Amino acid sequence: MQDEFYMARALKLAQRGRFTTHPNPNVGCVIVNNG
């Protein structure tokens, strides 16, 4: 379940860059330590 949680968080972070990253893709990153 943790993988899905962190992937959803990364996708949510990527949405924050909508309309500001053109022509590059929106990217979100979550770094997990000991996860």
PDB file of N, CA and C in Angstrom:
ATOM      1  N   MET A   1       0.824  -1.202   0.000  1.00  0.00           N
ATOM      2  CA  MET A   1       0.000   0.000   0.000  1.00  0.00           C
ATOM      3  C   MET A   1       0.864   1.260   0.000  1.00  0.00           C
ATOM      4  N   GLN A   2       2.012   1.226   0.593  1.00  0.00           N
ATOM      5  CA  GLN A   2       2.839   2.427   0.661  1.00  0.00           C
ATOM      6  C   GLN A   2       3.216   2.937  -0.716  1.00  0.00           C
ATOM      7  N   ASP A   3       3.525   2.020  -1.649  1.00  0.00           N
ATOM      8  CA  ASP A   3       3.902   2.460  -2.994  1.00  0.00           C
ATOM      9  C   ASP A   3       2.804   3.305  -3.620  1.00  0.00           C
ATOM     10  N   GLU A   4       1.568   2.855  -3.483  1.00  0.00           N
ATOM     11  CA  GLU A   4       0.447   3.591  -4.060  1.00  0.00           C
ATOM     12  C   GLU A   4       0.288   4.960  -3.407  1.00  0.00           C
ATOM     13  N   PHE A   5       0.512   5.033  -2.119  1.00  0.00           N
ATOM     14  CA  PHE A   5       0.400   6.302  -1.399  1.00  0.00           C
ATOM     15  C   PHE A   5       1.420   7.306  -1.918  1.00  0.00           C
ATOM     16  N   TYR A   6       2.663   6.861  -2.043  1.00  0.00           N
ATOM     17  CA  TYR A   6       3.721   7.768  -2.487  1.00  0.00           C
ATOM     18  C   TYR A   6       3.571   8.147  -3.953  1.00  0.00           C
ATOM     19  N   MET A   7       3.096   7.218  -4.777  1.00  0.00           N
ATOM     20  CA  MET A   7       2.868   7.544  -6.185  1.00  0.00           C
ATOM     21  C   MET A   7       1.746   8.570  -6.309  1.00  0.00           C
ATOM     22  N   ALA A   8       0.684   8.414  -5.530  1.00  0.00           N
ATOM     23  CA  ALA A   8      -0.418   9.378  -5.554  1.00  0.00           C
ATOM     24  C   ALA A   8       0.069  10.751  -5.099  1.00  0.00           C
ATOM     25  N   ARG A   9       0.946  10.771  -4.112  1.00  0.00           N
ATOM     26  CA  ARG A   9       1.500  12.049  -3.633  1.00  0.00           C
ATOM     27  C   ARG A   9       2.333  12.719  -4.722  1.00  0.00           C
ATOM     28  N   ALA A  10       3.138  11.936  -5.439  1.00  0.00           N
ATOM     29  CA  ALA A  10       3.954  12.488  -6.521  1.00  0.00           C
ATOM     30  C   ALA A  10       3.073  13.045  -7.633  1.00  0.00           C
ATOM     31  N   LEU A  11       1.994  12.351  -7.958  1.00  0.00           N
ATOM     32  CA  LEU A  11       1.083  12.840  -8.991  1.00  0.00           C
ATOM     33  C   LEU A  11       0.404  14.132  -8.555  1.00  0.00           C
ATOM     34  N   LYS A  12       0.050  14.202  -7.274  1.00  0.00           N
ATOM     35  CA  LYS A  12      -0.579  15.420  -6.764  1.00  0.00           C
ATOM     36  C   LYS A  12       0.397  16.597  -6.820  1.00  0.00           C
ATOM     37  N   LEU A  13       1.649  16.340  -6.495  1.00  0.00           N
ATOM     38  CA  LEU A  13       2.662  17.396  -6.582  1.00  0.00           C
ATOM     39  C   LEU A  13       2.857  17.840  -8.025  1.00  0.00           C
ATOM     40  N   ALA A  14       2.814  16.907  -8.949  1.00  0.00           N
ATOM     41  CA  ALA A  14       2.991  17.242 -10.363  1.00  0.00           C
ATOM     42  C   ALA A  14       1.878  18.163 -10.848  1.00  0.00           C
ATOM     43  N   GLN A  15       0.681  17.990 -10.329  1.00  0.00           N
ATOM     44  CA  GLN A  15      -0.446  18.834 -10.735  1.00  0.00           C
ATOM     45  C   GLN A  15      -0.223  20.294 -10.363  1.00  0.00           C
ATOM     46  N   ARG A  16       0.590  20.545  -9.367  1.00  0.00           N
ATOM     47  CA  ARG A  16       0.850  21.934  -8.961  1.00  0.00           C
ATOM     48  C   ARG A  16       1.551  22.724 -10.053  1.00  0.00           C
ATOM     49  N   GLY A  17       2.225  22.021 -10.968  1.00  0.00           N
ATOM     50  CA  GLY A  17       2.942  22.690 -12.037  1.00  0.00           C
ATOM     51  C   GLY A  17       2.144  22.857 -13.315  1.00  0.00           C
ATOM     52  N   ARG A  18       0.868  22.524 -13.268  1.00  0.00           N
ATOM     53  CA  ARG A  18       0.036  22.651 -14.470  1.00  0.00           C
ATOM     54  C   ARG A  18       0.093  24.064 -15.015  1.00  0.00           C
ATOM     55  N   PHE A  19       0.181  24.134 -16.329  1.00  0.00           N
ATOM     56  CA  PHE A  19       0.176  25.403 -17.065  1.00  0.00           C
ATOM     57  C   PHE A  19       1.439  26.235 -16.851  1.00  0.00           C
ATOM     58  N   THR A  20       2.430  25.706 -16.142  1.00  0.00           N
ATOM     59  CA  THR A  20       3.655  26.480 -15.925  1.00  0.00           C
ATOM     60  C   THR A  20       4.899  25.774 -16.443  1.00  0.00           C
ATOM     61  N   THR A  21       4.769  24.543 -16.902  1.00  0.00           N
ATOM     62  CA  THR A  21       5.954  23.784 -17.308  1.00  0.00           C
ATOM     63  C   THR A  21       6.041  23.564 -18.813  1.00  0.00           C
ATOM     64  N   HIS A  22       5.120  24.106 -19.574  1.00  0.00           N
ATOM     65  CA  HIS A  22       5.108  23.900 -21.023  1.00  0.00           C
ATOM     66  C   HIS A  22       6.416  24.387 -21.622  1.00  0.00           C
ATOM     67  N   PRO A  23       7.060  23.665 -22.471  1.00  0.00           N
ATOM     68  CA  PRO A  23       6.666  22.436 -23.160  1.00  0.00           C
ATOM     69  C   PRO A  23       7.111  21.170 -22.432  1.00  0.00           C
ATOM     70  N   ASN A  24       7.650  21.295 -21.245  1.00  0.00           N
ATOM     71  CA  ASN A  24       8.097  20.120 -20.491  1.00  0.00           C
ATOM     72  C   ASN A  24       6.920  19.452 -19.785  1.00  0.00           C
ATOM     73  N   PRO A  25       7.054  18.173 -19.473  1.00  0.00           N
ATOM     74  CA  PRO A  25       5.971  17.479 -18.761  1.00  0.00           C
ATOM     75  C   PRO A  25       5.920  17.897 -17.291  1.00  0.00           C
ATOM     76  N   ASN A  26       4.769  17.724 -16.685  1.00  0.00           N
ATOM     77  CA  ASN A  26       4.638  17.946 -15.246  1.00  0.00           C
ATOM     78  C   ASN A  26       5.280  16.765 -14.522  1.00  0.00           C
ATOM     79  N   VAL A  27       6.072  17.058 -13.509  1.00  0.00           N
ATOM     80  CA  VAL A  27       6.777  16.002 -12.788  1.00  0.00           C
ATOM     81  C   VAL A  27       6.659  16.266 -11.296  1.00  0.00           C
ATOM     82  N   GLY A  28       6.338  15.221 -10.547  1.00  0.00           N
ATOM     83  CA  GLY A  28       6.336  15.296  -9.095  1.00  0.00           C
ATOM     84  C   GLY A  28       7.311  14.268  -8.553  1.00  0.00           C
ATOM     85  N   CYS A  29       7.929  14.565  -7.447  1.00  0.00           N
ATOM     86  CA  CYS A  29       8.929  13.658  -6.885  1.00  0.00           C
ATOM     87  C   CYS A  29       8.729  13.551  -5.379  1.00  0.00           C
ATOM     88  N   VAL A  30       8.763  12.319  -4.901  1.00  0.00           N
ATOM     89  CA  VAL A  30       8.716  12.057  -3.466  1.00  0.00           C
ATOM     90  C   VAL A  30       9.895  11.144  -3.153  1.00  0.00           C
ATOM     91  N   ILE A  31      10.751  11.567  -2.254  1.00  0.00           N
ATOM     92  CA  ILE A  31      11.896  10.752  -1.848  1.00  0.00           C
ATOM     93  C   ILE A  31      11.553  10.100  -0.514  1.00  0.00           C
ATOM     94  N   VAL A  32      11.648   8.779  -0.481  1.00  0.00           N
ATOM     95  CA  VAL A  32      11.287   8.017   0.710  1.00  0.00           C
ATOM     96  C   VAL A  32      12.554   7.396   1.283  1.00  0.00           C
ATOM     97  N   ASN A  33      12.775   7.623   2.560  1.00  0.00           N
ATOM     98  CA  ASN A  33      13.938   7.063   3.243  1.00  0.00           C
ATOM     99  C   ASN A  33      13.471   5.970   4.191  1.00  0.00           C
ATOM    100  N   ASN A  34      14.035   4.800   4.076  1.00  0.00           N
ATOM    101  CA  ASN A  34      13.666   3.650   4.920  1.00  0.00           C
ATOM    102  C   ASN A  34      12.193   3.309   4.791  1.00  0.00           C
ATOM    103  N   GLY A  35      11.667   3.428   3.604  1.00  0.00           N
ATOM    104  CA  GLY A  35      10.253   3.157   3.387  1.00  0.00           C
ATOM    105  C   GLY A  35      10.065   1.859   2.739  1.00  0.00           C
TER     106      GLY A  35
END
